[in-house]
Amino acid sequence: MKILYILRKQPDGLAKEMIEKQSHEHEITVVLIQEAVLMKENLSGHVLALDDDVRKRSVSQNIPKIGYEELLSLIFKNDRTLCW
């Protein structure tokens, strides 16, 4: 199963635990938006960041960036989408 996580803020323990556990059995993609683009921790899965939010917060991370169209496409391509 393909699961998309959209994180709006720094993930709490439950979110990190779910991402980690599900990454062993499923294809996980994590998109960082809003305050989550400031996150310094590593997460399991394919991690991306929303380009507009990265630029607004002047963040320089080595995370691939996507636009709104790519985010919308990911929502439809995944079997399940969870927003934290």
Protein backbone atom coordinates (compact mmCIF):
# COMPACT_ATOMS: atom_id res chain seq x y z
CA MET A 1 0.00 0.00 0.00
CA LYS A 2 1.17 3.53 -0.75
CA ILE A 3 0.67 5.97 2.13
CA LEU A 4 1.16 9.74 2.03
CA TYR A 5 1.80 11.67 5.24
CA ILE A 6 1.38 15.44 5.11
CA LEU A 7 3.00 17.04 8.15
CA ARG A 8 2.02 20.62 9.05
CA LYS A 9 4.14 20.87 12.21
CA GLN A 10 6.91 18.99 13.94
CA PRO A 11 5.67 15.41 14.30
CA ASP A 12 4.85 14.16 17.77
CA GLY A 13 5.88 10.75 19.05
CA LEU A 14 2.78 9.00 17.68
CA ALA A 15 3.24 10.38 14.16
CA LYS A 16 6.93 9.39 14.08
CA GLU A 17 6.11 5.94 15.43
CA MET A 18 3.39 5.35 12.81
CA ILE A 19 5.63 6.51 9.95
CA GLU A 20 8.47 4.28 11.15
CA LYS A 21 6.31 1.18 11.64
CA GLN A 22 4.43 1.56 8.38
CA SER A 23 7.63 2.15 6.40
CA HIS A 24 8.56 -1.50 7.02
CA GLU A 25 5.47 -2.79 5.22
CA HIS A 26 4.31 0.02 2.94
CA GLU A 27 5.64 2.62 0.53
CA ILE A 28 5.69 5.84 2.57
CA THR A 29 5.95 9.40 1.27
CA VAL A 30 6.16 12.31 3.72
CA VAL A 31 5.50 15.88 2.59
CA LEU A 32 6.56 18.67 4.94
CA ILE A 33 4.42 21.82 4.77
CA GLN A 34 3.98 24.93 6.92
CA GLU A 35 6.03 24.68 10.16
CA ALA A 36 7.16 21.11 9.45
CA VAL A 37 9.67 22.40 6.86
CA LEU A 38 11.76 23.58 9.85
CA MET A 39 12.16 19.99 11.07
CA LYS A 40 15.72 18.77 11.61
CA GLU A 41 14.95 15.10 12.30
CA ASN A 42 15.17 12.32 9.74
CA LEU A 43 12.03 10.37 8.95
CA SER A 44 11.55 7.04 7.24
CA GLY A 45 10.18 7.02 3.72
CA HIS A 46 10.58 9.40 0.82
CA VAL A 47 10.60 12.91 2.35
CA LEU A 48 9.66 16.01 0.31
CA ALA A 49 8.98 19.64 1.22
CA LEU A 50 6.52 22.14 -0.20
CA ASP A 51 8.63 24.72 -2.03
CA ASP A 52 6.47 27.76 -1.13
CA ASP A 53 6.72 27.01 2.60
CA VAL A 54 10.48 26.42 2.37
CA ARG A 55 10.96 29.81 0.69
CA LYS A 56 8.63 31.66 3.09
CA ARG A 57 10.63 30.39 6.06
CA SER A 58 14.05 30.82 4.41
CA VAL A 59 14.94 27.20 5.10
CA SER A 60 17.85 25.56 3.35
CA GLN A 61 17.55 21.79 3.56
CA ASN A 62 18.67 19.04 1.23
CA ILE A 63 15.13 17.78 0.83
CA PRO A 64 13.58 17.60 -2.64
CA LYS A 65 10.98 20.31 -3.09
CA ILE A 66 7.60 20.06 -4.78
CA GLY A 67 4.86 22.48 -5.77
CA TYR A 68 1.13 22.39 -5.16
CA GLU A 69 0.43 20.46 -8.37
CA GLU A 70 2.85 17.69 -7.37
CA LEU A 71 1.27 17.56 -3.90
CA LEU A 72 -2.19 17.18 -5.40
CA SER A 73 -0.90 14.46 -7.71
CA LEU A 74 0.59 12.58 -4.73
CA ILE A 75 -2.73 12.73 -2.90
CA PHE A 76 -4.45 10.97 -5.80
CA LYS A 77 -1.61 8.49 -6.48
CA ASN A 78 -1.47 7.15 -2.91
CA ASP A 79 -3.92 4.66 -1.43
CA ARG A 80 -4.17 6.57 1.84
CA THR A 81 -3.38 10.15 2.89
CA LEU A 82 -2.91 11.22 6.51
CA CYS A 83 -2.41 14.79 7.65
CA TRP A 84 -0.79 15.63 11.02
